[in-house]
């Protein structure tokens, strides 16, 4: 009798867990679909893909395998936000964190389209990065006799556009940005030539995600 009661209690716990897991999975899929749709219309918050899950530690999200999808989308939104704002001392640290995340995503060529889009967006951010201190000093002093060993923002941007095109030759936005840089090899510092289009196809198929071409 006791064994039957214990077995029944265990089955009830397992059933309750499965119900909560299914509920969280539905919430994650709904959040991904809704956020992807909103992002296809215009910029959204980097937290747009978050949801209120019942089970702790994002268990349903890990089981669905969408953690990387959410991180990529959030990083892309943060990158696009920084690309549209003027660089200042208050945002340099947060901007550097986003650039590091984009660098890591672009290095993972298991998903060439995603890697290429990240490299393209990173190129746009590199282009608007402030120059290194020695470049600023040389420009201020007008002394070109001591060349700097640091790459200029334009050079760093071009390197990223080249990476983006090499990873995915069908990335039209990276092709355009690279062409613009090649046409203007020495543009005025921080002139807005590259366009932050890295998010145009940022959505990749995760659970509830849209097809490429309808992202942000």
C-alpha atoms as a PDB file:
ATOM      1  CA  UNK A   1       0.000   0.000   0.000  1.00  0.00           C
ATOM      2  CA  UNK A   2       2.784   2.413   0.938  1.00  0.00           C
ATOM      3  CA  UNK A   3       4.655   1.585  -2.249  1.00  0.00           C
ATOM      4  CA  UNK A   4       1.587   2.386  -4.306  1.00  0.00           C
ATOM      5  CA  UNK A   5       1.165   5.723  -2.547  1.00  0.00           C
ATOM      6  CA  UNK A   6       4.800   6.599  -3.118  1.00  0.00           C
ATOM      7  CA  UNK A   7       4.560   5.593  -6.779  1.00  0.00           C
ATOM      8  CA  UNK A   8       1.405   7.678  -7.184  1.00  0.00           C
ATOM      9  CA  UNK A   9       3.080  10.675  -5.560  1.00  0.00           C
ATOM     10  CA  UNK A  10       6.092  10.335  -7.853  1.00  0.00           C
ATOM     11  CA  UNK A  11       3.857  10.131 -10.914  1.00  0.00           C
ATOM     12  CA  UNK A  12       2.005  13.251  -9.793  1.00  0.00           C
ATOM     13  CA  UNK A  13       5.275  15.142  -9.376  1.00  0.00           C
ATOM     14  CA  UNK A  14       6.514  14.020 -12.796  1.00  0.00           C
ATOM     15  CA  UNK A  15       3.190  14.934 -14.398  1.00  0.00           C
ATOM     16  CA  UNK A  16       3.264  18.388 -12.800  1.00  0.00           C
ATOM     17  CA  UNK A  17       6.844  18.900 -13.983  1.00  0.00           C
ATOM     18  CA  UNK A  18       5.951  17.920 -17.546  1.00  0.00           C
ATOM     19  CA  UNK A  19       2.979  20.280 -17.533  1.00  0.00           C
ATOM     20  CA  UNK A  20       5.171  23.176 -16.335  1.00  0.00           C
ATOM     21  CA  UNK A  21       7.852  22.270 -18.876  1.00  0.00           C
ATOM     22  CA  UNK A  22       5.323  22.250 -21.705  1.00  0.00           C
ATOM     23  CA  UNK A  23       3.946  25.582 -20.510  1.00  0.00           C
ATOM     24  CA  UNK A  24       7.410  27.166 -20.417  1.00  0.00           C
ATOM     25  CA  UNK A  25       8.216  25.764 -23.851  1.00  0.00           C
ATOM     26  CA  UNK A  26       5.049  27.327 -25.240  1.00  0.00           C
ATOM     27  CA  UNK A  27       5.922  30.663 -23.618  1.00  0.00           C
ATOM     28  CA  UNK A  28       9.437  30.624 -25.079  1.00  0.00           C
ATOM     29  CA  UNK A  29       8.179  29.811 -28.558  1.00  0.00           C
ATOM     30  CA  UNK A  30       5.524  32.508 -28.336  1.00  0.00           C
ATOM     31  CA  UNK A  31       8.066  35.061 -27.076  1.00  0.00           C
ATOM     32  CA  UNK A  32      10.462  34.233 -29.919  1.00  0.00           C
ATOM     33  CA  UNK A  33       7.758  34.476 -32.574  1.00  0.00           C
ATOM     34  CA  UNK A  34       6.321  37.742 -31.251  1.00  0.00           C
ATOM     35  CA  UNK A  35       9.713  39.392 -30.780  1.00  0.00           C
ATOM     36  CA  UNK A  36      10.918  38.329 -34.230  1.00  0.00           C
ATOM     37  CA  UNK A  37       7.772  39.819 -35.762  1.00  0.00           C
ATOM     38  CA  UNK A  38       8.221  43.094 -33.870  1.00  0.00           C
ATOM     39  CA  UNK A  39      11.889  43.211 -34.863  1.00  0.00           C
ATOM     40  CA  UNK A  40      10.951  42.755 -38.536  1.00  0.00           C
ATOM     41  CA  UNK A  41       8.981  46.013 -38.285  1.00  0.00           C
ATOM     42  CA  UNK A  42      11.465  48.123 -36.363  1.00  0.00           C
ATOM     43  CA  UNK A  43      14.086  48.168 -33.585  1.00  0.00           C
ATOM     44  CA  UNK A  44      13.143  46.415 -30.363  1.00  0.00           C
ATOM     45  CA  UNK A  45      14.692  46.064 -26.946  1.00  0.00           C
ATOM     46  CA  UNK A  46      17.426  43.504 -26.443  1.00  0.00           C
ATOM     47  CA  UNK A  47      15.173  41.897 -23.810  1.00  0.00           C
ATOM     48  CA  UNK A  48      12.234  41.476 -26.202  1.00  0.00           C
ATOM     49  CA  UNK A  49      12.876  37.723 -26.418  1.00  0.00           C
ATOM     50  CA  UNK A  50      12.760  37.157 -22.668  1.00  0.00           C
ATOM     51  CA  UNK A  51       9.778  35.474 -21.067  1.00  0.00           C
ATOM     52  CA  UNK A  52       8.475  34.673 -17.600  1.00  0.00           C
ATOM     53  CA  UNK A  53       9.281  30.997 -17.227  1.00  0.00           C
ATOM     54  CA  UNK A  54       7.981  28.940 -14.333  1.00  0.00           C
ATOM     55  CA  UNK A  55      10.807  26.445 -14.050  1.00  0.00           C
ATOM     56  CA  UNK A  56      14.083  27.860 -12.696  1.00  0.00           C
ATOM     57  CA  UNK A  57      17.397  28.449 -14.475  1.00  0.00           C
ATOM     58  CA  UNK A  58      15.890  28.642 -17.957  1.00  0.00           C
ATOM     59  CA  UNK A  59      15.451  24.865 -18.052  1.00  0.00           C
ATOM     60  CA  UNK A  60      12.920  24.890 -20.892  1.00  0.00           C
ATOM     61  CA  UNK A  61      15.054  27.271 -22.940  1.00  0.00           C
ATOM     62  CA  UNK A  62      18.083  25.005 -22.605  1.00  0.00           C
ATOM     63  CA  UNK A  63      16.083  21.937 -23.562  1.00  0.00           C
ATOM     64  CA  UNK A  64      14.721  23.758 -26.614  1.00  0.00           C
ATOM     65  CA  UNK A  65      18.232  24.798 -27.616  1.00  0.00           C
ATOM     66  CA  UNK A  66      17.359  28.465 -28.071  1.00  0.00           C
ATOM     67  CA  UNK A  67      19.852  30.063 -25.687  1.00  0.00           C
ATOM     68  CA  UNK A  68      22.287  30.832 -28.514  1.00  0.00           C
ATOM     69  CA  UNK A  69      19.444  32.223 -30.637  1.00  0.00           C
ATOM     70  CA  UNK A  70      18.358  34.576 -27.875  1.00  0.00           C
ATOM     71  CA  UNK A  71      21.915  35.689 -27.134  1.00  0.00           C
ATOM     72  CA  UNK A  72      22.510  36.391 -30.820  1.00  0.00           C
ATOM     73  CA  UNK A  73      19.333  38.416 -31.196  1.00  0.00           C
ATOM     74  CA  UNK A  74      19.968  40.417 -28.023  1.00  0.00           C
ATOM     75  CA  UNK A  75      23.574  41.116 -29.017  1.00  0.00           C
ATOM     76  CA  UNK A  76      22.467  42.225 -32.484  1.00  0.00           C
ATOM     77  CA  UNK A  77      19.914  44.632 -31.036  1.00  0.00           C
ATOM     78  CA  UNK A  78      22.490  46.132 -28.692  1.00  0.00           C
ATOM     79  CA  UNK A  79      24.949  46.458 -31.550  1.00  0.00           C
ATOM     80  CA  UNK A  80      22.412  48.191 -33.781  1.00  0.00           C
ATOM     81  CA  UNK A  81      21.535  50.555 -30.937  1.00  0.00           C
ATOM     82  CA  UNK A  82      25.190  51.527 -30.463  1.00  0.00           C
ATOM     83  CA  UNK A  83      25.678  51.902 -34.223  1.00  0.00           C
ATOM     84  CA  UNK A  84      22.932  54.503 -34.346  1.00  0.00           C
ATOM     85  CA  UNK A  85      24.314  56.577 -31.459  1.00  0.00           C
ATOM     86  CA  UNK A  86      27.307  58.822 -31.167  1.00  0.00           C
ATOM     87  CA  UNK A  87      30.214  57.327 -29.249  1.00  0.00           C
ATOM     88  CA  UNK A  88      30.903  58.839 -25.843  1.00  0.00           C
ATOM     89  CA  UNK A  89      32.934  57.982 -22.770  1.00  0.00           C
ATOM     90  CA  UNK A  90      29.881  56.681 -20.910  1.00  0.00           C
ATOM     91  CA  UNK A  91      29.069  53.997 -23.479  1.00  0.00           C
ATOM     92  CA  UNK A  92      32.578  52.827 -24.370  1.00  0.00           C
ATOM     93  CA  UNK A  93      32.635  49.942 -21.884  1.00  0.00           C
ATOM     94  CA  UNK A  94      29.194  48.601 -22.796  1.00  0.00           C
ATOM     95  CA  UNK A  95      30.030  49.058 -26.461  1.00  0.00           C
ATOM     96  CA  UNK A  96      33.256  47.065 -26.047  1.00  0.00           C
ATOM     97  CA  UNK A  97      31.315  44.212 -24.432  1.00  0.00           C
ATOM     98  CA  UNK A  98      28.945  44.077 -27.413  1.00  0.00           C
ATOM     99  CA  UNK A  99      31.852  44.153 -29.866  1.00  0.00           C
ATOM    100  CA  UNK A 100      33.501  41.268 -28.025  1.00  0.00           C
ATOM    101  CA  UNK A 101      30.265  39.272 -28.189  1.00  0.00           C
ATOM    102  CA  UNK A 102      29.933  39.958 -31.921  1.00  0.00           C
ATOM    103  CA  UNK A 103      33.549  38.920 -32.427  1.00  0.00           C
ATOM    104  CA  UNK A 104      32.844  35.630 -30.679  1.00  0.00           C
ATOM    105  CA  UNK A 105      29.706  34.964 -32.750  1.00  0.00           C
ATOM    106  CA  UNK A 106      31.468  35.811 -36.008  1.00  0.00           C
ATOM    107  CA  UNK A 107      34.266  33.378 -35.134  1.00  0.00           C
ATOM    108  CA  UNK A 108      31.798  30.487 -34.960  1.00  0.00           C
ATOM    109  CA  UNK A 109      31.461  29.525 -38.615  1.00  0.00           C
ATOM    110  CA  UNK A 110      29.148  26.582 -37.891  1.00  0.00           C
ATOM    111  CA  UNK A 111      26.412  29.037 -38.886  1.00  0.00           C
ATOM    112  CA  UNK A 112      27.985  31.018 -41.755  1.00  0.00           C
ATOM    113  CA  UNK A 113      25.069  33.397 -42.242  1.00  0.00           C
ATOM    114  CA  UNK A 114      24.922  34.355 -38.595  1.00  0.00           C
ATOM    115  CA  UNK A 115      28.712  34.685 -38.386  1.00  0.00           C
ATOM    116  CA  UNK A 116      28.768  36.895 -41.482  1.00  0.00           C
ATOM    117  CA  UNK A 117      25.985  39.155 -40.233  1.00  0.00           C
ATOM    118  CA  UNK A 118      27.775  39.566 -36.907  1.00  0.00           C
ATOM    119  CA  UNK A 119      31.069  40.413 -38.629  1.00  0.00           C
ATOM    120  CA  UNK A 120      29.289  42.979 -40.798  1.00  0.00           C
ATOM    121  CA  UNK A 121      27.670  44.671 -37.807  1.00  0.00           C
ATOM    122  CA  UNK A 122      30.994  44.564 -35.963  1.00  0.00           C
ATOM    123  CA  UNK A 123      32.557  46.339 -38.944  1.00  0.00           C
ATOM    124  CA  UNK A 124      30.027  49.146 -38.650  1.00  0.00           C
ATOM    125  CA  UNK A 125      30.823  49.513 -34.952  1.00  0.00           C
ATOM    126  CA  UNK A 126      34.567  49.401 -35.622  1.00  0.00           C
ATOM    127  CA  UNK A 127      34.172  52.187 -38.168  1.00  0.00           C
ATOM    128  CA  UNK A 128      32.588  54.485 -35.591  1.00  0.00           C
ATOM    129  CA  UNK A 129      34.971  53.505 -32.783  1.00  0.00           C
ATOM    130  CA  UNK A 130      37.215  56.299 -31.536  1.00  0.00           C
ATOM    131  CA  UNK A 131      40.810  56.173 -32.836  1.00  0.00           C
ATOM    132  CA  UNK A 132      43.595  54.951 -30.605  1.00  0.00           C
ATOM    133  CA  UNK A 133      45.271  57.511 -28.310  1.00  0.00           C
ATOM    134  CA  UNK A 134      48.481  57.625 -30.386  1.00  0.00           C
ATOM    135  CA  UNK A 135      46.476  58.321 -33.539  1.00  0.00           C
ATOM    136  CA  UNK A 136      44.682  61.164 -31.813  1.00  0.00           C
ATOM    137  CA  UNK A 137      47.991  62.544 -30.549  1.00  0.00           C
ATOM    138  CA  UNK A 138      49.595  62.402 -33.989  1.00  0.00           C
ATOM    139  CA  UNK A 139      46.616  64.081 -35.584  1.00  0.00           C
ATOM    140  CA  UNK A 140      46.564  66.785 -32.923  1.00  0.00           C
ATOM    141  CA  UNK A 141      50.274  67.484 -33.188  1.00  0.00           C
ATOM    142  CA  UNK A 142      50.365  67.164 -36.946  1.00  0.00           C
ATOM    143  CA  UNK A 143      53.368  64.849 -36.648  1.00  0.00           C
ATOM    144  CA  UNK A 144      53.307  62.059 -39.237  1.00  0.00           C
ATOM    145  CA  UNK A 145      57.008  61.210 -38.877  1.00  0.00           C
ATOM    146  CA  UNK A 146      56.239  58.568 -36.241  1.00  0.00           C
ATOM    147  CA  UNK A 147      53.675  56.208 -37.741  1.00  0.00           C
ATOM    148  CA  UNK A 148      51.285  54.479 -35.372  1.00  0.00           C
ATOM    149  CA  UNK A 149      51.246  50.702 -35.130  1.00  0.00           C
ATOM    150  CA  UNK A 150      47.522  50.705 -34.395  1.00  0.00           C
ATOM    151  CA  UNK A 151      44.962  50.153 -37.132  1.00  0.00           C
ATOM    152  CA  UNK A 152      42.645  53.043 -37.806  1.00  0.00           C
ATOM    153  CA  UNK A 153      38.893  52.572 -37.285  1.00  0.00           C
ATOM    154  CA  UNK A 154      38.510  52.491 -41.073  1.00  0.00           C
ATOM    155  CA  UNK A 155      41.085  49.711 -41.417  1.00  0.00           C
ATOM    156  CA  UNK A 156      39.511  47.674 -38.644  1.00  0.00           C
ATOM    157  CA  UNK A 157      36.090  48.100 -40.219  1.00  0.00           C
ATOM    158  CA  UNK A 158      37.321  46.979 -43.626  1.00  0.00           C
ATOM    159  CA  UNK A 159      38.881  43.899 -42.060  1.00  0.00           C
ATOM    160  CA  UNK A 160      35.516  42.930 -40.587  1.00  0.00           C
ATOM    161  CA  UNK A 161      33.657  43.537 -43.856  1.00  0.00           C
ATOM    162  CA  UNK A 162      36.196  41.307 -45.602  1.00  0.00           C
ATOM    163  CA  UNK A 163      35.585  38.602 -43.014  1.00  0.00           C
ATOM    164  CA  UNK A 164      31.825  38.930 -43.448  1.00  0.00           C
ATOM    165  CA  UNK A 165      32.044  38.601 -47.235  1.00  0.00           C
ATOM    166  CA  UNK A 166      34.488  35.711 -47.053  1.00  0.00           C
ATOM    167  CA  UNK A 167      32.266  33.758 -44.642  1.00  0.00           C
ATOM    168  CA  UNK A 168      29.064  34.381 -46.610  1.00  0.00           C
ATOM    169  CA  UNK A 169      29.457  35.844 -50.118  1.00  0.00           C
ATOM    170  CA  UNK A 170      25.656  36.218 -50.318  1.00  0.00           C
ATOM    171  CA  UNK A 171      25.670  38.845 -47.546  1.00  0.00           C
ATOM    172  CA  UNK A 172      24.631  41.790 -49.705  1.00  0.00           C
ATOM    173  CA  UNK A 173      24.959  44.384 -46.967  1.00  0.00           C
ATOM    174  CA  UNK A 174      28.536  43.349 -46.199  1.00  0.00           C
ATOM    175  CA  UNK A 175      29.283  43.492 -49.925  1.00  0.00           C
ATOM    176  CA  UNK A 176      27.928  47.046 -50.103  1.00  0.00           C
ATOM    177  CA  UNK A 177      29.815  48.164 -47.008  1.00  0.00           C
ATOM    178  CA  UNK A 178      33.044  46.694 -48.338  1.00  0.00           C
ATOM    179  CA  UNK A 179      32.515  48.371 -51.697  1.00  0.00           C
ATOM    180  CA  UNK A 180      31.937  51.719 -50.010  1.00  0.00           C
ATOM    181  CA  UNK A 181      35.144  51.326 -48.037  1.00  0.00           C
ATOM    182  CA  UNK A 182      37.103  50.389 -51.138  1.00  0.00           C
ATOM    183  CA  UNK A 183      35.745  53.412 -52.976  1.00  0.00           C
ATOM    184  CA  UNK A 184      36.681  55.681 -50.091  1.00  0.00           C
ATOM    185  CA  UNK A 185      39.828  54.141 -48.594  1.00  0.00           C
ATOM    186  CA  UNK A 186      40.481  57.190 -46.444  1.00  0.00           C
ATOM    187  CA  UNK A 187      37.129  58.763 -45.530  1.00  0.00           C
ATOM    188  CA  UNK A 188      36.893  61.544 -42.971  1.00  0.00           C
ATOM    189  CA  UNK A 189      36.975  60.061 -39.465  1.00  0.00           C
ATOM    190  CA  UNK A 190      33.635  58.641 -38.345  1.00  0.00           C
ATOM    191  CA  UNK A 191      31.733  59.762 -41.417  1.00  0.00           C
ATOM    192  CA  UNK A 192      28.677  57.516 -41.553  1.00  0.00           C
ATOM    193  CA  UNK A 193      29.428  55.501 -44.666  1.00  0.00           C
ATOM    194  CA  UNK A 194      28.773  51.897 -43.595  1.00  0.00           C
ATOM    195  CA  UNK A 195      25.171  51.041 -42.861  1.00  0.00           C
ATOM    196  CA  UNK A 196      24.204  48.893 -39.922  1.00  0.00           C
ATOM    197  CA  UNK A 197      22.305  46.258 -41.810  1.00  0.00           C
ATOM    198  CA  UNK A 198      23.682  43.308 -39.914  1.00  0.00           C
ATOM    199  CA  UNK A 199      20.328  42.718 -38.330  1.00  0.00           C
ATOM    200  CA  UNK A 200      18.287  42.622 -41.515  1.00  0.00           C
ATOM    201  CA  UNK A 201      18.488  38.861 -41.462  1.00  0.00           C
ATOM    202  CA  UNK A 202      19.547  38.307 -37.898  1.00  0.00           C
ATOM    203  CA  UNK A 203      16.812  35.829 -37.080  1.00  0.00           C
ATOM    204  CA  UNK A 204      17.850  32.228 -37.547  1.00  0.00           C
ATOM    205  CA  UNK A 205      15.643  29.249 -37.087  1.00  0.00           C
ATOM    206  CA  UNK A 206      15.478  28.408 -33.424  1.00  0.00           C
ATOM    207  CA  UNK A 207      12.312  27.393 -31.664  1.00  0.00           C
ATOM    208  CA  UNK A 208       9.695  29.842 -32.848  1.00  0.00           C
ATOM    209  CA  UNK A 209      12.137  31.937 -34.898  1.00  0.00           C
ATOM    210  CA  UNK A 210      11.410  33.223 -38.379  1.00  0.00           C
ATOM    211  CA  UNK A 211      13.263  32.450 -41.586  1.00  0.00           C
ATOM    212  CA  UNK A 212      16.258  34.590 -42.523  1.00  0.00           C
ATOM    213  CA  UNK A 213      15.171  37.681 -44.354  1.00  0.00           C
ATOM    214  CA  UNK A 214      12.574  38.678 -41.831  1.00  0.00           C
ATOM    215  CA  UNK A 215      14.757  39.645 -38.909  1.00  0.00           C
ATOM    216  CA  UNK A 216      15.912  43.017 -37.797  1.00  0.00           C
END
